[in-house]
Amino acid sequence: MGGDHGPSVTIPAAISFVKSEPGAALILVGLEDVIRAELKKHHADAHPQLSVLHASEQVTMDDPLEVALRRKKDSSMRVAIELVKDGKAQACVSAGNTGALMAVSRYVLKTMAGVDRPAICSIMPNQKNGPTYMLDLGANVDCEPHHLHQFAIMGSVLVSAMEKIARPTIGLLNVGTEDIKGNEVVKATGKLLQQDHERGALNFHGNVEGNDIFKGTTDLVVCDGFVGNVTLKAIEGVARFFGDTVRSEFKRNWLTMLSALIGQGALKAIRNRFQPSRYNGASLLGLRGLVFKSHGGADAYSFEWAIKRAYDAAQNDVLAQISTMIADLMPRGTVTAEVPSSTI
């Protein structure tokens, strides 16, 4: 029910996904009448891979966390996450309010043992024609070194499982590659990651800069949520600006339109490579269950990619792998922060 478009996007995406994955089953959570009407519209009301579970409430994009947690206990978001907790679903995908999704997920599923804070991890395209994974993208704006250390461990496991890379390279986002650069939190984090590298636990490349994200210098880039979210929004803005500029320039006169026609093959390849829809679907890492966040403004094609990422994570047993590696690598002595029950 979430996102800017709700069932008019999520339902067509679900139908398209199950057509490509005959072994998958989706539970569509929300207002039953609305969902069934949309399914009927697409002639999929009796599809064997799709079932509907009624939830009487919705978390809107403007709802404060207090409303999502305390008052809307039968929201589609919460009911879907509880399905994961109860083992009736292997993953939850939502295009809804990001803050509410993180808060409800953390309250219902709890964090893994040894994890203080969940983090949002997504992927970016790079020059090597592969993905660069990046976290945190907005869940934690103030971090200590051990938080970034935990992000690196969780992200490394995710990359290893999803990309079949035995030892993913890890870069720590900084204002320079030298060890003396950056604030005290980044410097301290670098020391923790270097220690793991020296004992063979993690493959730490060292500090990386913003341009390394698209160079594909490392498989994973680690930063706090403030830096990550600003970086993500800046990238999205540049991508839109670039696309709009190319379109307007090629439409400027008959000569530029002719050149666009001649080069349409190359332009299509460029568009496909930079298509943001292909990179939709961010993982909320560190929870005792798989939860994926789609961009709120996603279209059906884009939302289907978020479903694919959740399905692949479940298929690759990412949760178990993260749990095992955290048990082996996570430093002892940090206290896992839970949402107090008295606040709900």
C-alpha atoms as a PDB file:
ATOM      1  CA  MET A   1       0.000   0.000   0.000  1.00  0.00           C
ATOM      2  CA  GLY A   2       3.026   2.278   0.375  1.00  0.00           C
ATOM      3  CA  GLY A   3       5.006   4.594  -1.851  1.00  0.00           C
ATOM      4  CA  ASP A   4       3.754   7.384  -4.052  1.00  0.00           C
ATOM      5  CA  HIS A   5       1.537   5.111  -6.155  1.00  0.00           C
ATOM      6  CA  GLY A   6       0.496   2.154  -3.978  1.00  0.00           C
ATOM      7  CA  PRO A   7      -1.201  -0.893  -5.578  1.00  0.00           C
ATOM      8  CA  SER A   8      -1.242   0.668  -9.060  1.00  0.00           C
ATOM      9  CA  VAL A   9       2.529   0.033  -9.082  1.00  0.00           C
ATOM     10  CA  THR A  10       3.117  -2.761  -6.565  1.00  0.00           C
ATOM     11  CA  ILE A  11       0.495  -5.138  -7.978  1.00  0.00           C
ATOM     12  CA  PRO A  12       1.670  -5.048 -11.636  1.00  0.00           C
ATOM     13  CA  ALA A  13       5.222  -5.482 -10.342  1.00  0.00           C
ATOM     14  CA  ALA A  14       4.187  -8.522  -8.293  1.00  0.00           C
ATOM     15  CA  ILE A  15       2.382 -10.077 -11.272  1.00  0.00           C
ATOM     16  CA  SER A  16       5.374  -9.558 -13.537  1.00  0.00           C
ATOM     17  CA  PHE A  17       7.747 -11.000 -10.934  1.00  0.00           C
ATOM     18  CA  VAL A  18       5.872 -14.261 -10.371  1.00  0.00           C
ATOM     19  CA  LYS A  19       5.694 -14.783 -14.139  1.00  0.00           C
ATOM     20  CA  SER A  20       9.492 -14.788 -14.223  1.00  0.00           C
ATOM     21  CA  GLU A  21       9.901 -16.823 -11.009  1.00  0.00           C
ATOM     22  CA  PRO A  22       7.582 -19.853 -11.069  1.00  0.00           C
ATOM     23  CA  GLY A  23       8.942 -21.069  -7.734  1.00  0.00           C
ATOM     24  CA  ALA A  24       8.108 -17.889  -5.845  1.00  0.00           C
ATOM     25  CA  ALA A  25       4.953 -16.987  -3.920  1.00  0.00           C
ATOM     26  CA  LEU A  26       3.969 -13.473  -2.885  1.00  0.00           C
ATOM     27  CA  ILE A  27       1.642 -12.436  -0.081  1.00  0.00           C
ATOM     28  CA  LEU A  28       0.055  -9.083  -0.918  1.00  0.00           C
ATOM     29  CA  VAL A  29      -0.668  -7.256   2.340  1.00  0.00           C
ATOM     30  CA  GLY A  30      -3.080  -4.340   2.596  1.00  0.00           C
ATOM     31  CA  LEU A  31      -6.675  -3.319   2.002  1.00  0.00           C
ATOM     32  CA  GLU A  32      -8.126  -6.497   0.530  1.00  0.00           C
ATOM     33  CA  ASP A  33     -10.822  -4.870  -1.608  1.00  0.00           C
ATOM     34  CA  VAL A  34      -8.327  -2.481  -3.185  1.00  0.00           C
ATOM     35  CA  ILE A  35      -5.779  -5.216  -3.862  1.00  0.00           C
ATOM     36  CA  ARG A  36      -8.305  -7.634  -5.341  1.00  0.00           C
ATOM     37  CA  ALA A  37      -9.724  -4.909  -7.575  1.00  0.00           C
ATOM     38  CA  GLU A  38      -6.234  -4.202  -8.920  1.00  0.00           C
ATOM     39  CA  LEU A  39      -5.565  -7.917  -9.426  1.00  0.00           C
ATOM     40  CA  LYS A  40      -8.846  -8.285 -11.312  1.00  0.00           C
ATOM     41  CA  LYS A  41      -7.946  -5.302 -13.465  1.00  0.00           C
ATOM     42  CA  HIS A  42      -4.828  -7.207 -14.565  1.00  0.00           C
ATOM     43  CA  HIS A  43      -6.682 -10.543 -14.900  1.00  0.00           C
ATOM     44  CA  ALA A  44      -4.647 -12.047 -12.051  1.00  0.00           C
ATOM     45  CA  ASP A  45      -7.274 -12.356  -9.311  1.00  0.00           C
ATOM     46  CA  ALA A  46      -6.933 -16.142  -9.317  1.00  0.00           C
ATOM     47  CA  HIS A  47      -3.169 -16.359  -9.809  1.00  0.00           C
ATOM     48  CA  PRO A  48      -1.877 -19.390  -7.844  1.00  0.00           C
ATOM     49  CA  GLN A  49       1.347 -17.640  -6.766  1.00  0.00           C
ATOM     50  CA  LEU A  50      -0.402 -14.611  -5.322  1.00  0.00           C
ATOM     51  CA  SER A  51      -2.370 -14.494  -2.089  1.00  0.00           C
ATOM     52  CA  VAL A  52      -3.937 -11.552  -0.256  1.00  0.00           C
ATOM     53  CA  LEU A  53      -3.783 -10.795   3.462  1.00  0.00           C
ATOM     54  CA  HIS A  54      -6.033  -8.012   4.719  1.00  0.00           C
ATOM     55  CA  ALA A  55      -4.591  -5.203   6.839  1.00  0.00           C
ATOM     56  CA  SER A  56      -7.025  -2.474   7.864  1.00  0.00           C
ATOM     57  CA  GLU A  57      -4.548   0.413   8.224  1.00  0.00           C
ATOM     58  CA  GLN A  58      -1.833   2.140   6.200  1.00  0.00           C
ATOM     59  CA  VAL A  59       1.303   3.978   7.243  1.00  0.00           C
ATOM     60  CA  THR A  60       1.388   7.125   5.141  1.00  0.00           C
ATOM     61  CA  MET A  61       4.547   8.819   3.916  1.00  0.00           C
ATOM     62  CA  ASP A  62       3.913  11.673   6.387  1.00  0.00           C
ATOM     63  CA  ASP A  63       3.128   9.591   9.478  1.00  0.00           C
ATOM     64  CA  PRO A  64       5.504  10.227  12.402  1.00  0.00           C
ATOM     65  CA  LEU A  65       7.209   7.186  13.940  1.00  0.00           C
ATOM     66  CA  GLU A  66       4.960   7.331  17.007  1.00  0.00           C
ATOM     67  CA  VAL A  67       1.873   6.810  14.854  1.00  0.00           C
ATOM     68  CA  ALA A  68       3.416   3.911  12.916  1.00  0.00           C
ATOM     69  CA  LEU A  69       4.551   2.164  16.109  1.00  0.00           C
ATOM     70  CA  ARG A  70       1.839   2.889  18.659  1.00  0.00           C
ATOM     71  CA  ARG A  71      -1.379   3.538  16.820  1.00  0.00           C
ATOM     72  CA  LYS A  72      -1.325   1.639  13.539  1.00  0.00           C
ATOM     73  CA  LYS A  73      -0.750  -1.894  14.767  1.00  0.00           C
ATOM     74  CA  ASP A  74      -2.758  -3.368  11.885  1.00  0.00           C
ATOM     75  CA  SER A  75      -0.949  -1.430   9.174  1.00  0.00           C
ATOM     76  CA  SER A  76       0.059  -3.295   6.025  1.00  0.00           C
ATOM     77  CA  MET A  77       3.684  -2.521   6.877  1.00  0.00           C
ATOM     78  CA  ARG A  78       3.524  -4.042  10.342  1.00  0.00           C
ATOM     79  CA  VAL A  79       1.477  -7.071   9.292  1.00  0.00           C
ATOM     80  CA  ALA A  80       3.960  -7.807   6.490  1.00  0.00           C
ATOM     81  CA  ILE A  81       6.923  -7.594   8.855  1.00  0.00           C
ATOM     82  CA  GLU A  82       5.173  -9.850  11.368  1.00  0.00           C
ATOM     83  CA  LEU A  83       4.834 -12.461   8.613  1.00  0.00           C
ATOM     84  CA  VAL A  84       8.631 -12.496   8.430  1.00  0.00           C
ATOM     85  CA  LYS A  85       8.928 -12.752  12.206  1.00  0.00           C
ATOM     86  CA  ASP A  86       6.506 -15.698  12.289  1.00  0.00           C
ATOM     87  CA  GLY A  87       8.320 -17.501   9.465  1.00  0.00           C
ATOM     88  CA  LYS A  88       5.341 -17.259   7.106  1.00  0.00           C
ATOM     89  CA  ALA A  89       7.410 -15.137   4.690  1.00  0.00           C
ATOM     90  CA  GLN A  90      11.146 -15.123   4.046  1.00  0.00           C
ATOM     91  CA  ALA A  91      11.346 -11.386   3.240  1.00  0.00           C
ATOM     92  CA  CYS A  92       9.321  -8.192   3.302  1.00  0.00           C
ATOM     93  CA  VAL A  93       9.386  -5.551   0.540  1.00  0.00           C
ATOM     94  CA  SER A  94       7.921  -2.088   1.053  1.00  0.00           C
ATOM     95  CA  ALA A  95       7.924   1.246  -0.784  1.00  0.00           C
ATOM     96  CA  GLY A  96       6.533   3.010   2.271  1.00  0.00           C
ATOM     97  CA  ASN A  97       7.837   5.543   4.779  1.00  0.00           C
ATOM     98  CA  THR A  98      11.544   4.693   5.305  1.00  0.00           C
ATOM     99  CA  GLY A  99      11.748   5.866   8.911  1.00  0.00           C
ATOM    100  CA  ALA A 100       8.596   3.975   9.848  1.00  0.00           C
ATOM    101  CA  LEU A 101       9.778   0.833   8.045  1.00  0.00           C
ATOM    102  CA  MET A 102      13.064   0.866   9.935  1.00  0.00           C
ATOM    103  CA  ALA A 103      11.391   1.587  13.295  1.00  0.00           C
ATOM    104  CA  VAL A 104       8.663  -1.051  12.909  1.00  0.00           C
ATOM    105  CA  SER A 105      11.131  -3.619  11.556  1.00  0.00           C
ATOM    106  CA  ARG A 106      13.489  -3.023  14.438  1.00  0.00           C
ATOM    107  CA  TYR A 107      10.697  -3.288  16.997  1.00  0.00           C
ATOM    108  CA  VAL A 108       9.075  -6.406  15.552  1.00  0.00           C
ATOM    109  CA  LEU A 109      12.129  -8.334  14.348  1.00  0.00           C
ATOM    110  CA  LYS A 110      14.768  -6.979  16.752  1.00  0.00           C
ATOM    111  CA  THR A 111      18.421  -6.655  15.819  1.00  0.00           C
ATOM    112  CA  MET A 112      20.805  -9.576  15.490  1.00  0.00           C
ATOM    113  CA  ALA A 113      22.948 -10.474  18.491  1.00  0.00           C
ATOM    114  CA  GLY A 114      26.024  -8.259  18.433  1.00  0.00           C
ATOM    115  CA  VAL A 115      24.470  -5.590  16.213  1.00  0.00           C
ATOM    116  CA  ASP A 116      23.777  -2.184  17.729  1.00  0.00           C
ATOM    117  CA  ARG A 117      22.053  -0.568  14.766  1.00  0.00           C
ATOM    118  CA  PRO A 118      20.565  -1.781  11.490  1.00  0.00           C
ATOM    119  CA  ALA A 119      21.837  -0.038   8.348  1.00  0.00           C
ATOM    120  CA  ILE A 120      20.445   0.610   4.880  1.00  0.00           C
ATOM    121  CA  CYS A 121      22.513  -0.917   2.083  1.00  0.00           C
ATOM    122  CA  SER A 122      21.954  -0.429  -1.634  1.00  0.00           C
ATOM    123  CA  ILE A 123      23.967  -0.625  -4.852  1.00  0.00           C
ATOM    124  CA  MET A 124      25.341   1.820  -7.401  1.00  0.00           C
ATOM    125  CA  PRO A 125      26.570   1.169 -10.967  1.00  0.00           C
ATOM    126  CA  ASN A 126      30.304   1.411 -11.638  1.00  0.00           C
ATOM    127  CA  GLN A 127      32.750   1.613 -14.540  1.00  0.00           C
ATOM    128  CA  LYS A 128      33.494  -2.099 -14.270  1.00  0.00           C
ATOM    129  CA  ASN A 129      29.898  -2.813 -15.315  1.00  0.00           C
ATOM    130  CA  GLY A 130      29.120  -4.228 -11.904  1.00  0.00           C
ATOM    131  CA  PRO A 131      27.572  -3.017  -8.661  1.00  0.00           C
ATOM    132  CA  THR A 132      29.202  -1.059  -5.852  1.00  0.00           C
ATOM    133  CA  TYR A 133      27.412  -1.771  -2.575  1.00  0.00           C
ATOM    134  CA  MET A 134      27.139   1.141  -0.156  1.00  0.00           C
ATOM    135  CA  LEU A 135      25.946   1.580   3.429  1.00  0.00           C
ATOM    136  CA  ASP A 136      24.644   3.270   5.518  1.00  0.00           C
ATOM    137  CA  LEU A 137      22.321   5.322   3.317  1.00  0.00           C
ATOM    138  CA  GLY A 138      20.345   7.131   5.974  1.00  0.00           C
ATOM    139  CA  ALA A 139      19.359   4.996   8.947  1.00  0.00           C
ATOM    140  CA  ASN A 140      22.087   6.276  11.293  1.00  0.00           C
ATOM    141  CA  VAL A 141      23.212   9.882  10.973  1.00  0.00           C
ATOM    142  CA  ASP A 142      25.456   9.808  14.070  1.00  0.00           C
ATOM    143  CA  CYS A 143      27.805   6.851  14.317  1.00  0.00           C
ATOM    144  CA  GLU A 144      30.677   5.659  16.470  1.00  0.00           C
ATOM    145  CA  PRO A 145      33.595   3.593  15.086  1.00  0.00           C
ATOM    146  CA  HIS A 146      32.109   0.288  16.245  1.00  0.00           C
ATOM    147  CA  HIS A 147      28.888   1.065  14.345  1.00  0.00           C
ATOM    148  CA  LEU A 148      30.788   1.587  11.078  1.00  0.00           C
ATOM    149  CA  HIS A 149      32.772  -1.555  11.860  1.00  0.00           C
ATOM    150  CA  GLN A 150      29.535  -3.508  12.171  1.00  0.00           C
ATOM    151  CA  PHE A 151      28.268  -2.023   8.902  1.00  0.00           C
ATOM    152  CA  ALA A 152      31.423  -3.235   7.152  1.00  0.00           C
ATOM    153  CA  ILE A 153      30.962  -6.767   8.471  1.00  0.00           C
ATOM    154  CA  MET A 154      27.284  -6.956   7.487  1.00  0.00           C
ATOM    155  CA  GLY A 155      27.887  -5.373   4.088  1.00  0.00           C
ATOM    156  CA  SER A 156      30.771  -7.720   3.354  1.00  0.00           C
ATOM    157  CA  VAL A 157      28.590 -10.756   4.003  1.00  0.00           C
ATOM    158  CA  LEU A 158      25.806  -9.356   1.812  1.00  0.00           C
ATOM    159  CA  VAL A 159      28.179  -8.734  -1.108  1.00  0.00           C
ATOM    160  CA  SER A 160      29.757 -12.162  -0.717  1.00  0.00           C
ATOM    161  CA  ALA A 161      26.376 -13.905  -0.747  1.00  0.00           C
ATOM    162  CA  MET A 162      24.747 -11.872  -3.521  1.00  0.00           C
ATOM    163  CA  GLU A 163      27.722 -11.504  -5.862  1.00  0.00           C
ATOM    164  CA  LYS A 164      29.489 -14.812  -5.106  1.00  0.00           C
ATOM    165  CA  ILE A 165      32.700 -13.008  -4.139  1.00  0.00           C
ATOM    166  CA  ALA A 166      34.703 -14.879  -1.520  1.00  0.00           C
ATOM    167  CA  ARG A 167      36.475 -11.830  -0.061  1.00  0.00           C
ATOM    168  CA  PRO A 168      34.780  -8.575  -1.087  1.00  0.00           C
ATOM    169  CA  THR A 169      36.958  -5.476  -0.920  1.00  0.00           C
ATOM    170  CA  ILE A 170      35.864  -2.830   1.590  1.00  0.00           C
ATOM    171  CA  GLY A 171      36.463   0.899   1.269  1.00  0.00           C
ATOM    172  CA  LEU A 172      35.924   3.456   4.026  1.00  0.00           C
ATOM    173  CA  LEU A 173      34.492   6.672   2.555  1.00  0.00           C
ATOM    174  CA  ASN A 174      36.695   9.617   3.469  1.00  0.00           C
ATOM    175  CA  VAL A 175      37.894  13.031   2.255  1.00  0.00           C
ATOM    176  CA  GLY A 176      41.188  11.488   1.154  1.00  0.00           C
ATOM    177  CA  THR A 177      42.903   8.120   0.860  1.00  0.00           C
ATOM    178  CA  GLU A 178      45.637   8.848   3.385  1.00  0.00           C
ATOM    179  CA  ASP A 179      45.306   7.430   6.902  1.00  0.00           C
ATOM    180  CA  ILE A 180      45.740  10.880   8.463  1.00  0.00           C
ATOM    181  CA  LYS A 181      42.689  12.282   6.634  1.00  0.00           C
ATOM    182  CA  GLY A 182      39.152  12.443   7.998  1.00  0.00           C
ATOM    183  CA  ASN A 183      37.513  12.954  11.375  1.00  0.00           C
ATOM    184  CA  GLU A 184      38.292  10.939  14.499  1.00  0.00           C
ATOM    185  CA  VAL A 185      35.421   8.498  13.933  1.00  0.00           C
ATOM    186  CA  VAL A 186      36.652   7.593  10.452  1.00  0.00           C
ATOM    187  CA  LYS A 187      40.259   7.293  11.615  1.00  0.00           C
ATOM    188  CA  ALA A 188      39.292   4.982  14.472  1.00  0.00           C
ATOM    189  CA  THR A 189      37.105   2.896  12.155  1.00  0.00           C
ATOM    190  CA  GLY A 190      40.009   2.534   9.748  1.00  0.00           C
ATOM    191  CA  LYS A 191      42.146   1.080  12.523  1.00  0.00           C
ATOM    192  CA  LEU A 192      39.461  -1.473  13.424  1.00  0.00           C
ATOM    193  CA  LEU A 193      39.079  -2.546   9.798  1.00  0.00           C
ATOM    194  CA  GLN A 194      42.850  -2.716   9.312  1.00  0.00           C
ATOM    195  CA  GLN A 195      43.122  -5.029  12.307  1.00  0.00           C
ATOM    196  CA  ASP A 196      40.507  -7.318  10.744  1.00  0.00           C
ATOM    197  CA  HIS A 197      42.401  -7.191   7.449  1.00  0.00           C
ATOM    198  CA  GLU A 198      45.703  -8.139   9.054  1.00  0.00           C
ATOM    199  CA  ARG A 199      44.191 -11.204  10.697  1.00  0.00           C
ATOM    200  CA  GLY A 200      42.439 -12.214   7.467  1.00  0.00           C
ATOM    201  CA  ALA A 201      38.888 -11.611   8.678  1.00  0.00           C
ATOM    202  CA  LEU A 202      37.955  -8.807   6.242  1.00  0.00           C
ATOM    203  CA  ASN A 203      39.435  -7.571   2.967  1.00  0.00           C
ATOM    204  CA  PHE A 204      39.937  -3.892   3.818  1.00  0.00           C
ATOM    205  CA  HIS A 205      41.204  -1.829   0.886  1.00  0.00           C
ATOM    206  CA  GLY A 206      41.578   1.392   2.880  1.00  0.00           C
ATOM    207  CA  ASN A 207      40.102   4.857   2.549  1.00  0.00           C
ATOM    208  CA  VAL A 208      38.225   5.721  -0.646  1.00  0.00           C
ATOM    209  CA  GLU A 209      36.814   8.983  -1.968  1.00  0.00           C
ATOM    210  CA  GLY A 210      33.459   9.785  -3.540  1.00  0.00           C
ATOM    211  CA  ASN A 211      34.682   9.215  -7.106  1.00  0.00           C
ATOM    212  CA  ASP A 212      35.765   5.679  -6.170  1.00  0.00           C
ATOM    213  CA  ILE A 213      32.106   4.674  -5.838  1.00  0.00           C
ATOM    214  CA  PHE A 214      31.641   4.771  -9.612  1.00  0.00           C
ATOM    215  CA  LYS A 215      35.162   3.636 -10.439  1.00  0.00           C
ATOM    216  CA  GLY A 216      34.370   0.360  -8.719  1.00  0.00           C
ATOM    217  CA  THR A 217      37.527   0.671  -6.631  1.00  0.00           C
ATOM    218  CA  THR A 218      35.993  -1.534  -3.949  1.00  0.00           C
ATOM    219  CA  ASP A 219      33.021  -3.892  -3.823  1.00  0.00           C
ATOM    220  CA  LEU A 220      31.659  -2.174  -0.710  1.00  0.00           C
ATOM    221  CA  VAL A 221      31.795   1.430   0.498  1.00  0.00           C
ATOM    222  CA  VAL A 222      31.127   2.141   4.178  1.00  0.00           C
ATOM    223  CA  CYS A 223      30.038   5.480   5.665  1.00  0.00           C
ATOM    224  CA  ASP A 224      27.632   6.893   8.228  1.00  0.00           C
ATOM    225  CA  GLY A 225      24.006   7.527   7.300  1.00  0.00           C
ATOM    226  CA  PHE A 226      24.367  11.298   7.059  1.00  0.00           C
ATOM    227  CA  VAL A 227      27.148  11.123   4.481  1.00  0.00           C
ATOM    228  CA  GLY A 228      25.524   8.182   2.709  1.00  0.00           C
ATOM    229  CA  ASN A 229      22.129   9.799   2.320  1.00  0.00           C
ATOM    230  CA  VAL A 230      23.558  13.111   1.109  1.00  0.00           C
ATOM    231  CA  THR A 231      25.718  11.200  -1.381  1.00  0.00           C
ATOM    232  CA  LEU A 232      22.756   9.156  -2.597  1.00  0.00           C
ATOM    233  CA  LYS A 233      20.520  12.195  -3.104  1.00  0.00           C
ATOM    234  CA  ALA A 234      23.327  14.070  -4.887  1.00  0.00           C
ATOM    235  CA  ILE A 235      23.861  11.102  -7.221  1.00  0.00           C
ATOM    236  CA  GLU A 236      20.147  10.906  -7.992  1.00  0.00           C
ATOM    237  CA  GLY A 237      20.065  14.624  -8.728  1.00  0.00           C
ATOM    238  CA  VAL A 238      23.080  14.479 -11.056  1.00  0.00           C
ATOM    239  CA  ALA A 239      21.595  11.463 -12.868  1.00  0.00           C
ATOM    240  CA  ARG A 240      18.314  13.305 -13.495  1.00  0.00           C
ATOM    241  CA  PHE A 241      20.174  16.465 -14.544  1.00  0.00           C
ATOM    242  CA  PHE A 242      22.335  14.485 -16.971  1.00  0.00           C
ATOM    243  CA  GLY A 243      19.334  12.681 -18.474  1.00  0.00           C
ATOM    244  CA  ASP A 244      17.294  15.868 -18.885  1.00  0.00           C
ATOM    245  CA  THR A 245      20.254  17.691 -20.441  1.00  0.00           C
ATOM    246  CA  VAL A 246      20.915  14.934 -22.983  1.00  0.00           C
ATOM    247  CA  ARG A 247      17.253  14.810 -23.987  1.00  0.00           C
ATOM    248  CA  SER A 248      16.912  18.568 -24.351  1.00  0.00           C
ATOM    249  CA  GLU A 249      20.152  18.906 -26.330  1.00  0.00           C
ATOM    250  CA  PHE A 250      19.209  16.186 -28.792  1.00  0.00           C
ATOM    251  CA  LYS A 251      15.825  17.854 -29.345  1.00  0.00           C
ATOM    252  CA  ARG A 252      17.345  21.294 -29.926  1.00  0.00           C
ATOM    253  CA  ASN A 253      17.142  21.266 -33.752  1.00  0.00           C
ATOM    254  CA  TRP A 254      16.793  18.918 -36.732  1.00  0.00           C
ATOM    255  CA  LEU A 255      20.552  18.260 -36.860  1.00  0.00           C
ATOM    256  CA  THR A 256      20.788  17.187 -33.230  1.00  0.00           C
ATOM    257  CA  MET A 257      17.650  15.042 -33.656  1.00  0.00           C
ATOM    258  CA  LEU A 258      19.257  13.363 -36.675  1.00  0.00           C
ATOM    259  CA  SER A 259      22.423  12.675 -34.683  1.00  0.00           C
ATOM    260  CA  ALA A 260      20.281  11.157 -31.919  1.00  0.00           C
ATOM    261  CA  LEU A 261      18.628   8.881 -34.492  1.00  0.00           C
ATOM    262  CA  ILE A 262      22.008   7.773 -35.816  1.00  0.00           C
ATOM    263  CA  GLY A 263      23.340   7.114 -32.336  1.00  0.00           C
ATOM    264  CA  GLN A 264      20.184   5.635 -30.840  1.00  0.00           C
ATOM    265  CA  GLY A 265      21.836   2.247 -30.279  1.00  0.00           C
ATOM    266  CA  ALA A 266      24.594   3.761 -28.168  1.00  0.00           C
ATOM    267  CA  LEU A 267      22.138   6.045 -26.372  1.00  0.00           C
ATOM    268  CA  LYS A 268      19.931   3.087 -25.490  1.00  0.00           C
ATOM    269  CA  ALA A 269      22.930   1.188 -24.100  1.00  0.00           C
ATOM    270  CA  ILE A 270      23.916   4.205 -22.003  1.00  0.00           C
ATOM    271  CA  ARG A 271      20.351   4.592 -20.734  1.00  0.00           C
ATOM    272  CA  ASN A 272      20.149   0.926 -19.758  1.00  0.00           C
ATOM    273  CA  ARG A 273      23.481   1.057 -17.968  1.00  0.00           C
ATOM    274  CA  PHE A 274      22.502   4.106 -15.927  1.00  0.00           C
ATOM    275  CA  GLN A 275      18.867   3.085 -15.462  1.00  0.00           C
ATOM    276  CA  PRO A 276      18.159   3.808 -11.760  1.00  0.00           C
ATOM    277  CA  SER A 277      15.326   1.273 -11.756  1.00  0.00           C
ATOM    278  CA  ARG A 278      17.823  -1.584 -12.023  1.00  0.00           C
ATOM    279  CA  TYR A 279      19.373  -0.567  -8.714  1.00  0.00           C
ATOM    280  CA  ASN A 280      16.172  -0.241  -6.686  1.00  0.00           C
ATOM    281  CA  GLY A 281      15.796  -2.237  -3.499  1.00  0.00           C
ATOM    282  CA  ALA A 282      17.838  -1.395  -0.405  1.00  0.00           C
ATOM    283  CA  SER A 283      18.405  -3.981   2.305  1.00  0.00           C
ATOM    284  CA  LEU A 284      17.854  -3.191   5.995  1.00  0.00           C
ATOM    285  CA  LEU A 285      20.850  -5.080   7.354  1.00  0.00           C
ATOM    286  CA  GLY A 286      21.257  -6.207  10.956  1.00  0.00           C
ATOM    287  CA  LEU A 287      17.697  -7.334  11.609  1.00  0.00           C
ATOM    288  CA  ARG A 288      16.547 -10.850  12.455  1.00  0.00           C
ATOM    289  CA  GLY A 289      14.669 -10.996   9.192  1.00  0.00           C
ATOM    290  CA  LEU A 290      15.003  -9.769   5.612  1.00  0.00           C
ATOM    291  CA  VAL A 291      13.418  -6.391   4.892  1.00  0.00           C
ATOM    292  CA  PHE A 292      13.913  -4.483   1.618  1.00  0.00           C
ATOM    293  CA  LYS A 293      13.029  -0.869   0.945  1.00  0.00           C
ATOM    294  CA  SER A 294      11.951   0.307  -2.491  1.00  0.00           C
ATOM    295  CA  HIS A 295      12.161   3.935  -3.546  1.00  0.00           C
ATOM    296  CA  GLY A 296       8.848   5.625  -2.778  1.00  0.00           C
ATOM    297  CA  GLY A 297       8.518   6.983  -6.311  1.00  0.00           C
ATOM    298  CA  ALA A 298       9.299   3.661  -8.005  1.00  0.00           C
ATOM    299  CA  ASP A 299       7.355   2.559 -11.062  1.00  0.00           C
ATOM    300  CA  ALA A 300       6.310  -1.072 -11.599  1.00  0.00           C
ATOM    301  CA  TYR A 301       9.553  -2.004 -13.367  1.00  0.00           C
ATOM    302  CA  SER A 302      11.618  -0.484 -10.567  1.00  0.00           C
ATOM    303  CA  PHE A 303       9.552  -2.067  -7.777  1.00  0.00           C
ATOM    304  CA  GLU A 304       9.940  -5.460  -9.434  1.00  0.00           C
ATOM    305  CA  TRP A 305      13.709  -5.088  -9.047  1.00  0.00           C
ATOM    306  CA  ALA A 306      13.237  -4.561  -5.314  1.00  0.00           C
ATOM    307  CA  ILE A 307      11.232  -7.806  -5.148  1.00  0.00           C
ATOM    308  CA  LYS A 308      13.995  -9.571  -7.096  1.00  0.00           C
ATOM    309  CA  ARG A 309      16.632  -8.406  -4.645  1.00  0.00           C
ATOM    310  CA  ALA A 310      14.611  -9.650  -1.681  1.00  0.00           C
ATOM    311  CA  TYR A 311      14.000 -12.989  -3.416  1.00  0.00           C
ATOM    312  CA  ASP A 312      17.707 -13.399  -4.246  1.00  0.00           C
ATOM    313  CA  ALA A 313      18.672 -12.607  -0.649  1.00  0.00           C
ATOM    314  CA  ALA A 314      16.269 -15.264   0.624  1.00  0.00           C
ATOM    315  CA  GLN A 315      17.466 -17.776  -1.974  1.00  0.00           C
ATOM    316  CA  ASN A 316      21.097 -17.179  -0.990  1.00  0.00           C
ATOM    317  CA  ASP A 317      20.327 -17.519   2.717  1.00  0.00           C
ATOM    318  CA  VAL A 318      21.888 -14.116   3.401  1.00  0.00           C
ATOM    319  CA  LEU A 319      20.396 -13.884   6.891  1.00  0.00           C
ATOM    320  CA  ALA A 320      22.100 -17.048   8.139  1.00  0.00           C
ATOM    321  CA  GLN A 321      25.410 -16.030   6.584  1.00  0.00           C
ATOM    322  CA  ILE A 322      25.332 -12.595   8.204  1.00  0.00           C
ATOM    323  CA  SER A 323      24.437 -14.112  11.570  1.00  0.00           C
ATOM    324  CA  THR A 324      27.321 -16.608  11.374  1.00  0.00           C
ATOM    325  CA  MET A 325      29.911 -14.026  10.337  1.00  0.00           C
ATOM    326  CA  ILE A 326      28.782 -11.542  12.961  1.00  0.00           C
ATOM    327  CA  ALA A 327      29.192 -14.227  15.624  1.00  0.00           C
ATOM    328  CA  ASP A 328      32.757 -14.794  14.411  1.00  0.00           C
ATOM    329  CA  LEU A 329      33.834 -11.207  13.805  1.00  0.00           C
ATOM    330  CA  MET A 330      31.777  -8.821  15.885  1.00  0.00           C
ATOM    331  CA  PRO A 331      33.763  -7.332  18.766  1.00  0.00           C
ATOM    332  CA  ARG A 332      32.405  -8.144  22.193  1.00  0.00           C
ATOM    333  CA  GLY A 333      31.550  -5.466  24.687  1.00  0.00           C
ATOM    334  CA  THR A 334      29.066  -3.415  22.661  1.00  0.00           C
ATOM    335  CA  VAL A 335      25.483  -3.484  23.839  1.00  0.00           C
ATOM    336  CA  THR A 336      22.757  -4.167  21.323  1.00  0.00           C
ATOM    337  CA  ALA A 337      20.270  -1.340  21.450  1.00  0.00           C
ATOM    338  CA  GLU A 338      16.633  -2.386  21.321  1.00  0.00           C
ATOM    339  CA  VAL A 339      13.509  -0.259  21.219  1.00  0.00           C
ATOM    340  CA  PRO A 340      12.171  -0.293  24.821  1.00  0.00           C
ATOM    341  CA  SER A 341       8.750  -1.926  25.004  1.00  0.00           C
ATOM    342  CA  SER A 342       7.529   0.859  27.275  1.00  0.00           C
ATOM    343  CA  THR A 343       7.832   3.348  24.423  1.00  0.00           C
ATOM    344  CA  ILE A 344       5.477   1.465  22.107  1.00  0.00           C
END
